[in-house]
Amino acid sequence: SALEAEGIAAVAVRPPTVPDGTAR
């Protein structure tokens, strides 16, 4: 969300797409 406010579209990827504890 903060990146979007700065003009960058960069999506947060969370489980189950990635293993637990490795959101990115």
mmCIF file of all heavy atoms, coordinates in Angstrom:
data_MODEL
# 
_entry.id   MODEL 
# 
loop_
_atom_site.group_PDB 
_atom_site.id 
_atom_site.type_symbol 
_atom_site.label_atom_id 
_atom_site.label_alt_id 
_atom_site.label_comp_id 
_atom_site.label_asym_id 
_atom_site.label_entity_id 
_atom_site.label_seq_id 
_atom_site.pdbx_PDB_ins_code 
_atom_site.Cartn_x 
_atom_site.Cartn_y 
_atom_site.Cartn_z 
_atom_site.occupancy 
_atom_site.B_iso_or_equiv 
_atom_site.pdbx_formal_charge 
_atom_site.auth_seq_id 
_atom_site.auth_comp_id 
_atom_site.auth_asym_id 
_atom_site.auth_atom_id 
_atom_site.pdbx_PDB_model_num 
ATOM 1   N N   . SER A 1 1  ? 0.829  -1.212  0.000  1.00 0.00 ? 1  SER A N   1 
ATOM 2   C CA  . SER A 1 1  ? 0.000  0.000   0.000  1.00 0.00 ? 1  SER A CA  1 
ATOM 3   C C   . SER A 1 1  ? 0.860  1.257   0.000  1.00 0.00 ? 1  SER A C   1 
ATOM 4   O O   . SER A 1 1  ? 0.551  2.237   -0.701 1.00 0.00 ? 1  SER A O   1 
ATOM 5   C CB  . SER A 1 1  ? -0.918 0.002   1.223  1.00 0.00 ? 1  SER A CB  1 
ATOM 6   O OG  . SER A 1 1  ? -1.845 -1.059  1.149  1.00 0.00 ? 1  SER A OG  1 
ATOM 7   N N   . ALA A 1 2  ? 1.942  1.242   0.774  1.00 0.00 ? 2  ALA A N   1 
ATOM 8   C CA  . ALA A 1 2  ? 2.831  2.406   0.830  1.00 0.00 ? 2  ALA A CA  1 
ATOM 9   C C   . ALA A 1 2  ? 3.532  2.623   -0.503 1.00 0.00 ? 2  ALA A C   1 
ATOM 10  O O   . ALA A 1 2  ? 3.740  3.769   -0.927 1.00 0.00 ? 2  ALA A O   1 
ATOM 11  C CB  . ALA A 1 2  ? 3.852  2.222   1.946  1.00 0.00 ? 2  ALA A CB  1 
ATOM 12  N N   . LEU A 1 3  ? 3.894  1.539   -1.189 1.00 0.00 ? 3  LEU A N   1 
ATOM 13  C CA  . LEU A 1 3  ? 4.512  1.666   -2.502 1.00 0.00 ? 3  LEU A CA  1 
ATOM 14  C C   . LEU A 1 3  ? 3.523  2.256   -3.507 1.00 0.00 ? 3  LEU A C   1 
ATOM 15  O O   . LEU A 1 3  ? 3.897  3.090   -4.340 1.00 0.00 ? 3  LEU A O   1 
ATOM 16  C CB  . LEU A 1 3  ? 5.019  0.305   -2.986 1.00 0.00 ? 3  LEU A CB  1 
ATOM 17  C CG  . LEU A 1 3  ? 6.260  -0.236  -2.281 1.00 0.00 ? 3  LEU A CG  1 
ATOM 18  C CD1 . LEU A 1 3  ? 6.547  -1.666  -2.718 1.00 0.00 ? 3  LEU A CD1 1 
ATOM 19  C CD2 . LEU A 1 3  ? 7.474  0.643   -2.551 1.00 0.00 ? 3  LEU A CD2 1 
ATOM 20  N N   . GLU A 1 4  ? 2.270  1.832   -3.417 1.00 0.00 ? 4  GLU A N   1 
ATOM 21  C CA  . GLU A 1 4  ? 1.259  2.396   -4.317 1.00 0.00 ? 4  GLU A CA  1 
ATOM 22  C C   . GLU A 1 4  ? 1.125  3.894   -4.086 1.00 0.00 ? 4  GLU A C   1 
ATOM 23  O O   . GLU A 1 4  ? 0.985  4.675   -5.038 1.00 0.00 ? 4  GLU A O   1 
ATOM 24  C CB  . GLU A 1 4  ? -0.080 1.690   -4.116 1.00 0.00 ? 4  GLU A CB  1 
ATOM 25  C CG  . GLU A 1 4  ? -1.150 2.181   -5.071 1.00 0.00 ? 4  GLU A CG  1 
ATOM 26  C CD  . GLU A 1 4  ? -2.406 1.335   -5.069 1.00 0.00 ? 4  GLU A CD  1 
ATOM 27  O OE1 . GLU A 1 4  ? -2.291 0.100   -4.914 1.00 0.00 ? 4  GLU A OE1 1 
ATOM 28  O OE2 . GLU A 1 4  ? -3.501 1.911   -5.222 1.00 0.00 ? 4  GLU A OE2 1 
ATOM 29  N N   . ALA A 1 5  ? 1.160  4.314   -2.831 1.00 0.00 ? 5  ALA A N   1 
ATOM 30  C CA  . ALA A 1 5  ? 1.090  5.747   -2.525 1.00 0.00 ? 5  ALA A CA  1 
ATOM 31  C C   . ALA A 1 5  ? 2.283  6.498   -3.111 1.00 0.00 ? 5  ALA A C   1 
ATOM 32  O O   . ALA A 1 5  ? 2.195  7.699   -3.397 1.00 0.00 ? 5  ALA A O   1 
ATOM 33  C CB  . ALA A 1 5  ? 1.022  5.957   -1.016 1.00 0.00 ? 5  ALA A CB  1 
ATOM 34  N N   . GLU A 1 6  ? 3.397  5.776   -3.310 1.00 0.00 ? 6  GLU A N   1 
ATOM 35  C CA  . GLU A 1 6  ? 4.609  6.367   -3.887 1.00 0.00 ? 6  GLU A CA  1 
ATOM 36  C C   . GLU A 1 6  ? 4.662  6.223   -5.412 1.00 0.00 ? 6  GLU A C   1 
ATOM 37  O O   . GLU A 1 6  ? 5.668  6.555   -6.038 1.00 0.00 ? 6  GLU A O   1 
ATOM 38  C CB  . GLU A 1 6  ? 5.852  5.706   -3.279 1.00 0.00 ? 6  GLU A CB  1 
ATOM 39  C CG  . GLU A 1 6  ? 6.129  6.120   -1.855 1.00 0.00 ? 6  GLU A CG  1 
ATOM 40  C CD  . GLU A 1 6  ? 6.760  7.502   -1.766 1.00 0.00 ? 6  GLU A CD  1 
ATOM 41  O OE1 . GLU A 1 6  ? 7.353  7.957   -2.747 1.00 0.00 ? 6  GLU A OE1 1 
ATOM 42  O OE2 . GLU A 1 6  ? 6.634  8.132   -0.700 1.00 0.00 ? 6  GLU A OE2 1 
ATOM 43  N N   . GLY A 1 7  ? 3.574  5.672   -5.991 1.00 0.00 ? 7  GLY A N   1 
ATOM 44  C CA  . GLY A 1 7  ? 3.510  5.574   -7.447 1.00 0.00 ? 7  GLY A CA  1 
ATOM 45  C C   . GLY A 1 7  ? 4.021  4.270   -8.034 1.00 0.00 ? 7  GLY A C   1 
ATOM 46  O O   . GLY A 1 7  ? 4.362  4.220   -9.219 1.00 0.00 ? 7  GLY A O   1 
ATOM 47  N N   . ILE A 1 8  ? 4.066  3.196   -7.217 1.00 0.00 ? 8  ILE A N   1 
ATOM 48  C CA  . ILE A 1 8  ? 4.564  1.901   -7.691 1.00 0.00 ? 8  ILE A CA  1 
ATOM 49  C C   . ILE A 1 8  ? 3.519  0.821   -7.447 1.00 0.00 ? 8  ILE A C   1 
ATOM 50  O O   . ILE A 1 8  ? 3.026  0.660   -6.320 1.00 0.00 ? 8  ILE A O   1 
ATOM 51  C CB  . ILE A 1 8  ? 5.868  1.510   -6.966 1.00 0.00 ? 8  ILE A CB  1 
ATOM 52  C CG1 . ILE A 1 8  ? 6.972  2.509   -7.295 1.00 0.00 ? 8  ILE A CG1 1 
ATOM 53  C CG2 . ILE A 1 8  ? 6.301  0.095   -7.345 1.00 0.00 ? 8  ILE A CG2 1 
ATOM 54  C CD1 . ILE A 1 8  ? 8.242  2.296   -6.487 1.00 0.00 ? 8  ILE A CD1 1 
ATOM 55  N N   . ALA A 1 9  ? 3.165  0.083   -8.488 1.00 0.00 ? 9  ALA A N   1 
ATOM 56  C CA  . ALA A 1 9  ? 2.279  -1.079  -8.354 1.00 0.00 ? 9  ALA A CA  1 
ATOM 57  C C   . ALA A 1 9  ? 3.143  -2.304  -8.112 1.00 0.00 ? 9  ALA A C   1 
ATOM 58  O O   . ALA A 1 9  ? 3.834  -2.781  -9.005 1.00 0.00 ? 9  ALA A O   1 
ATOM 59  C CB  . ALA A 1 9  ? 1.442  -1.264  -9.618 1.00 0.00 ? 9  ALA A CB  1 
ATOM 60  N N   . ALA A 1 10 ? 3.141  -2.782  -6.866 1.00 0.00 ? 10 ALA A N   1 
ATOM 61  C CA  . ALA A 1 10 ? 3.919  -3.962  -6.479 1.00 0.00 ? 10 ALA A CA  1 
ATOM 62  C C   . ALA A 1 10 ? 3.091  -4.739  -5.462 1.00 0.00 ? 10 ALA A C   1 
ATOM 63  O O   . ALA A 1 10 ? 2.935  -4.308  -4.318 1.00 0.00 ? 10 ALA A O   1 
ATOM 64  C CB  . ALA A 1 10 ? 5.266  -3.558  -5.884 1.00 0.00 ? 10 ALA A CB  1 
ATOM 65  N N   . VAL A 1 11 ? 2.565  -5.861  -5.893 1.00 0.00 ? 11 VAL A N   1 
ATOM 66  C CA  . VAL A 1 11 ? 1.571  -6.597  -5.109 1.00 0.00 ? 11 VAL A CA  1 
ATOM 67  C C   . VAL A 1 11 ? 2.228  -7.434  -4.023 1.00 0.00 ? 11 VAL A C   1 
ATOM 68  O O   . VAL A 1 11 ? 3.288  -8.032  -4.228 1.00 0.00 ? 11 VAL A O   1 
ATOM 69  C CB  . VAL A 1 11 ? 0.729  -7.493  -6.041 1.00 0.00 ? 11 VAL A CB  1 
ATOM 70  C CG1 . VAL A 1 11 ? -0.226 -8.371  -5.249 1.00 0.00 ? 11 VAL A CG1 1 
ATOM 71  C CG2 . VAL A 1 11 ? -0.047 -6.622  -7.033 1.00 0.00 ? 11 VAL A CG2 1 
ATOM 72  N N   . ALA A 1 12 ? 1.580  -7.489  -2.861 1.00 0.00 ? 12 ALA A N   1 
ATOM 73  C CA  . ALA A 1 12 ? 2.014  -8.376  -1.778 1.00 0.00 ? 12 ALA A CA  1 
ATOM 74  C C   . ALA A 1 12 ? 1.589  -9.803  -2.105 1.00 0.00 ? 12 ALA A C   1 
ATOM 75  O O   . ALA A 1 12 ? 0.425  -10.051 -2.419 1.00 0.00 ? 12 ALA A O   1 
ATOM 76  C CB  . ALA A 1 12 ? 1.394  -7.931  -0.455 1.00 0.00 ? 12 ALA A CB  1 
ATOM 77  N N   . VAL A 1 13 ? 2.530  -10.727 -2.029 1.00 0.00 ? 13 VAL A N   1 
ATOM 78  C CA  . VAL A 1 13 ? 2.240  -12.143 -2.270 1.00 0.00 ? 13 VAL A CA  1 
ATOM 79  C C   . VAL A 1 13 ? 2.308  -12.872 -0.937 1.00 0.00 ? 13 VAL A C   1 
ATOM 80  O O   . VAL A 1 13 ? 3.308  -12.811 -0.232 1.00 0.00 ? 13 VAL A O   1 
ATOM 81  C CB  . VAL A 1 13 ? 3.248  -12.758 -3.267 1.00 0.00 ? 13 VAL A CB  1 
ATOM 82  C CG1 . VAL A 1 13 ? 2.920  -14.221 -3.503 1.00 0.00 ? 13 VAL A CG1 1 
ATOM 83  C CG2 . VAL A 1 13 ? 3.225  -11.988 -4.583 1.00 0.00 ? 13 VAL A CG2 1 
ATOM 84  N N   . ARG A 1 14 ? 1.211  -13.564 -0.601 1.00 0.00 ? 14 ARG A N   1 
ATOM 85  C CA  . ARG A 1 14 ? 1.084  -14.198 0.711  1.00 0.00 ? 14 ARG A CA  1 
ATOM 86  C C   . ARG A 1 14 ? 0.706  -15.667 0.558  1.00 0.00 ? 14 ARG A C   1 
ATOM 87  O O   . ARG A 1 14 ? 0.346  -16.109 -0.531 1.00 0.00 ? 14 ARG A O   1 
ATOM 88  C CB  . ARG A 1 14 ? -0.002 -13.468 1.516  1.00 0.00 ? 14 ARG A CB  1 
ATOM 89  C CG  . ARG A 1 14 ? 0.301  -12.009 1.833  1.00 0.00 ? 14 ARG A CG  1 
ATOM 90  C CD  . ARG A 1 14 ? -0.976 -11.219 2.099  1.00 0.00 ? 14 ARG A CD  1 
ATOM 91  N NE  . ARG A 1 14 ? -1.739 -10.991 0.884  1.00 0.00 ? 14 ARG A NE  1 
ATOM 92  C CZ  . ARG A 1 14 ? -3.063 -10.764 0.850  1.00 0.00 ? 14 ARG A CZ  1 
ATOM 93  N NH1 . ARG A 1 14 ? -3.750 -10.746 1.968  1.00 0.00 ? 14 ARG A NH1 1 
ATOM 94  N NH2 . ARG A 1 14 ? -3.676 -10.571 -0.308 1.00 0.00 ? 14 ARG A NH2 1 
ATOM 95  N N   . PRO A 1 15 ? 0.777  -16.444 1.658  1.00 0.00 ? 15 PRO A N   1 
ATOM 96  C CA  . PRO A 1 15 ? 0.336  -17.839 1.607  1.00 0.00 ? 15 PRO A CA  1 
ATOM 97  C C   . PRO A 1 15 ? -1.129 -17.910 1.139  1.00 0.00 ? 15 PRO A C   1 
ATOM 98  O O   . PRO A 1 15 ? -1.895 -16.981 1.391  1.00 0.00 ? 15 PRO A O   1 
ATOM 99  C CB  . PRO A 1 15 ? 0.481  -18.301 3.060  1.00 0.00 ? 15 PRO A CB  1 
ATOM 100 C CG  . PRO A 1 15 ? 1.517  -17.390 3.647  1.00 0.00 ? 15 PRO A CG  1 
ATOM 101 C CD  . PRO A 1 15 ? 1.290  -16.059 2.972  1.00 0.00 ? 15 PRO A CD  1 
ATOM 102 N N   . PRO A 1 16 ? -1.535 -18.959 0.432  1.00 0.00 ? 16 PRO A N   1 
ATOM 103 C CA  . PRO A 1 16 ? -0.751 -20.173 0.152  1.00 0.00 ? 16 PRO A CA  1 
ATOM 104 C C   . PRO A 1 16 ? 0.113  -20.094 -1.106 1.00 0.00 ? 16 PRO A C   1 
ATOM 105 O O   . PRO A 1 16 ? 0.726  -21.092 -1.485 1.00 0.00 ? 16 PRO A O   1 
ATOM 106 C CB  . PRO A 1 16 ? -1.847 -21.227 -0.025 1.00 0.00 ? 16 PRO A CB  1 
ATOM 107 C CG  . PRO A 1 16 ? -2.977 -20.460 -0.639 1.00 0.00 ? 16 PRO A CG  1 
ATOM 108 C CD  . PRO A 1 16 ? -2.947 -19.102 0.007  1.00 0.00 ? 16 PRO A CD  1 
ATOM 109 N N   . THR A 1 17 ? 0.167  -18.920 -1.746 1.00 0.00 ? 17 THR A N   1 
ATOM 110 C CA  . THR A 1 17 ? 1.006  -18.790 -2.940 1.00 0.00 ? 17 THR A CA  1 
ATOM 111 C C   . THR A 1 17 ? 2.475  -19.010 -2.606 1.00 0.00 ? 17 THR A C   1 
ATOM 112 O O   . THR A 1 17 ? 3.235  -19.542 -3.419 1.00 0.00 ? 17 THR A O   1 
ATOM 113 C CB  . THR A 1 17 ? 0.801  -17.403 -3.574 1.00 0.00 ? 17 THR A CB  1 
ATOM 114 O OG1 . THR A 1 17 ? -0.596 -17.208 -3.811 1.00 0.00 ? 17 THR A OG1 1 
ATOM 115 C CG2 . THR A 1 17 ? 1.557  -17.285 -4.884 1.00 0.00 ? 17 THR A CG2 1 
ATOM 116 N N   . VAL A 1 18 ? 2.870  -18.570 -1.410 1.00 0.00 ? 18 VAL A N   1 
ATOM 117 C CA  . VAL A 1 18 ? 4.229  -18.808 -0.911 1.00 0.00 ? 18 VAL A CA  1 
ATOM 118 C C   . VAL A 1 18 ? 4.118  -19.478 0.458  1.00 0.00 ? 18 VAL A C   1 
ATOM 119 O O   . VAL A 1 18 ? 3.063  -19.426 1.096  1.00 0.00 ? 18 VAL A O   1 
ATOM 120 C CB  . VAL A 1 18 ? 5.027  -17.482 -0.800 1.00 0.00 ? 18 VAL A CB  1 
ATOM 121 C CG1 . VAL A 1 18 ? 5.266  -16.886 -2.176 1.00 0.00 ? 18 VAL A CG1 1 
ATOM 122 C CG2 . VAL A 1 18 ? 4.308  -16.476 0.096  1.00 0.00 ? 18 VAL A CG2 1 
ATOM 123 N N   . PRO A 1 19 ? 5.177  -20.127 0.952  1.00 0.00 ? 19 PRO A N   1 
ATOM 124 C CA  . PRO A 1 19 ? 5.104  -20.799 2.252  1.00 0.00 ? 19 PRO A CA  1 
ATOM 125 C C   . PRO A 1 19 ? 4.819  -19.821 3.392  1.00 0.00 ? 19 PRO A C   1 
ATOM 126 O O   . PRO A 1 19 ? 5.135  -18.631 3.311  1.00 0.00 ? 19 PRO A O   1 
ATOM 127 C CB  . PRO A 1 19 ? 6.499  -21.426 2.401  1.00 0.00 ? 19 PRO A CB  1 
ATOM 128 C CG  . PRO A 1 19 ? 7.009  -21.580 1.002  1.00 0.00 ? 19 PRO A CG  1 
ATOM 129 C CD  . PRO A 1 19 ? 6.458  -20.403 0.255  1.00 0.00 ? 19 PRO A CD  1 
ATOM 130 N N   . ASP A 1 20 ? 4.218  -20.342 4.458  1.00 0.00 ? 20 ASP A N   1 
ATOM 131 C CA  . ASP A 1 20 ? 3.945  -19.533 5.642  1.00 0.00 ? 20 ASP A CA  1 
ATOM 132 C C   . ASP A 1 20 ? 5.216  -18.845 6.127  1.00 0.00 ? 20 ASP A C   1 
ATOM 133 O O   . ASP A 1 20 ? 6.305  -19.437 6.137  1.00 0.00 ? 20 ASP A O   1 
ATOM 134 C CB  . ASP A 1 20 ? 3.389  -20.412 6.770  1.00 0.00 ? 20 ASP A CB  1 
ATOM 135 C CG  . ASP A 1 20 ? 1.953  -20.838 6.513  1.00 0.00 ? 20 ASP A CG  1 
ATOM 136 O OD1 . ASP A 1 20 ? 1.236  -20.131 5.781  1.00 0.00 ? 20 ASP A OD1 1 
ATOM 137 O OD2 . ASP A 1 20 ? 1.544  -21.894 7.034  1.00 0.00 ? 20 ASP A OD2 1 
ATOM 138 N N   . GLY A 1 21 ? 5.063  -17.590 6.532  1.00 0.00 ? 21 GLY A N   1 
ATOM 139 C CA  . GLY A 1 21 ? 6.199  -16.843 7.064  1.00 0.00 ? 21 GLY A CA  1 
ATOM 140 C C   . GLY A 1 21 ? 7.106  -16.243 6.019  1.00 0.00 ? 21 GLY A C   1 
ATOM 141 O O   . GLY A 1 21 ? 8.159  -15.686 6.364  1.00 0.00 ? 21 GLY A O   1 
ATOM 142 N N   . THR A 1 22 ? 6.727  -16.356 4.726  1.00 0.00 ? 22 THR A N   1 
ATOM 143 C CA  . THR A 1 22 ? 7.590  -15.814 3.664  1.00 0.00 ? 22 THR A CA  1 
ATOM 144 C C   . THR A 1 22 ? 6.828  -14.833 2.768  1.00 0.00 ? 22 THR A C   1 
ATOM 145 O O   . THR A 1 22 ? 7.132  -14.716 1.581  1.00 0.00 ? 22 THR A O   1 
ATOM 146 C CB  . THR A 1 22 ? 8.208  -16.934 2.795  1.00 0.00 ? 22 THR A CB  1 
ATOM 147 O OG1 . THR A 1 22 ? 7.171  -17.561 2.028  1.00 0.00 ? 22 THR A OG1 1 
ATOM 148 C CG2 . THR A 1 22 ? 8.926  -17.956 3.648  1.00 0.00 ? 22 THR A CG2 1 
ATOM 149 N N   . ALA A 1 23 ? 5.837  -14.140 3.322  1.00 0.00 ? 23 ALA A N   1 
ATOM 150 C CA  . ALA A 1 23 ? 5.125  -13.120 2.540  1.00 0.00 ? 23 ALA A CA  1 
ATOM 151 C C   . ALA A 1 23 ? 6.139  -12.128 1.970  1.00 0.00 ? 23 ALA A C   1 
ATOM 152 O O   . ALA A 1 23 ? 7.157  -11.840 2.594  1.00 0.00 ? 23 ALA A O   1 
ATOM 153 C CB  . ALA A 1 23 ? 4.104  -12.405 3.419  1.00 0.00 ? 23 ALA A CB  1 
ATOM 154 N N   . ARG A 1 24 ? 5.835  -11.617 0.797  1.00 0.00 ? 24 ARG A N   1 
ATOM 155 C CA  . ARG A 1 24 ? 6.839  -10.825 0.087  1.00 0.00 ? 24 ARG A CA  1 
ATOM 156 C C   . ARG A 1 24 ? 6.208  -9.828  -0.874 1.00 0.00 ? 24 ARG A C   1 
ATOM 157 O O   . ARG A 1 24 ? 5.017  -9.933  -1.217 1.00 0.00 ? 24 ARG A O   1 
ATOM 158 C CB  . ARG A 1 24 ? 7.752  -11.746 -0.717 1.00 0.00 ? 24 ARG A CB  1 
ATOM 159 C CG  . ARG A 1 24 ? 7.023  -12.455 -1.867 1.00 0.00 ? 24 ARG A CG  1 
ATOM 160 C CD  . ARG A 1 24 ? 7.781  -13.655 -2.368 1.00 0.00 ? 24 ARG A CD  1 
ATOM 161 N NE  . ARG A 1 24 ? 7.896  -14.686 -1.344 1.00 0.00 ? 24 ARG A NE  1 
ATOM 162 C CZ  . ARG A 1 24 ? 8.665  -15.766 -1.459 1.00 0.00 ? 24 ARG A CZ  1 
ATOM 163 N NH1 . ARG A 1 24 ? 9.373  -15.959 -2.553 1.00 0.00 ? 24 ARG A NH1 1 
ATOM 164 N NH2 . ARG A 1 24 ? 8.705  -16.661 -0.492 1.00 0.00 ? 24 ARG A NH2 1 
# 
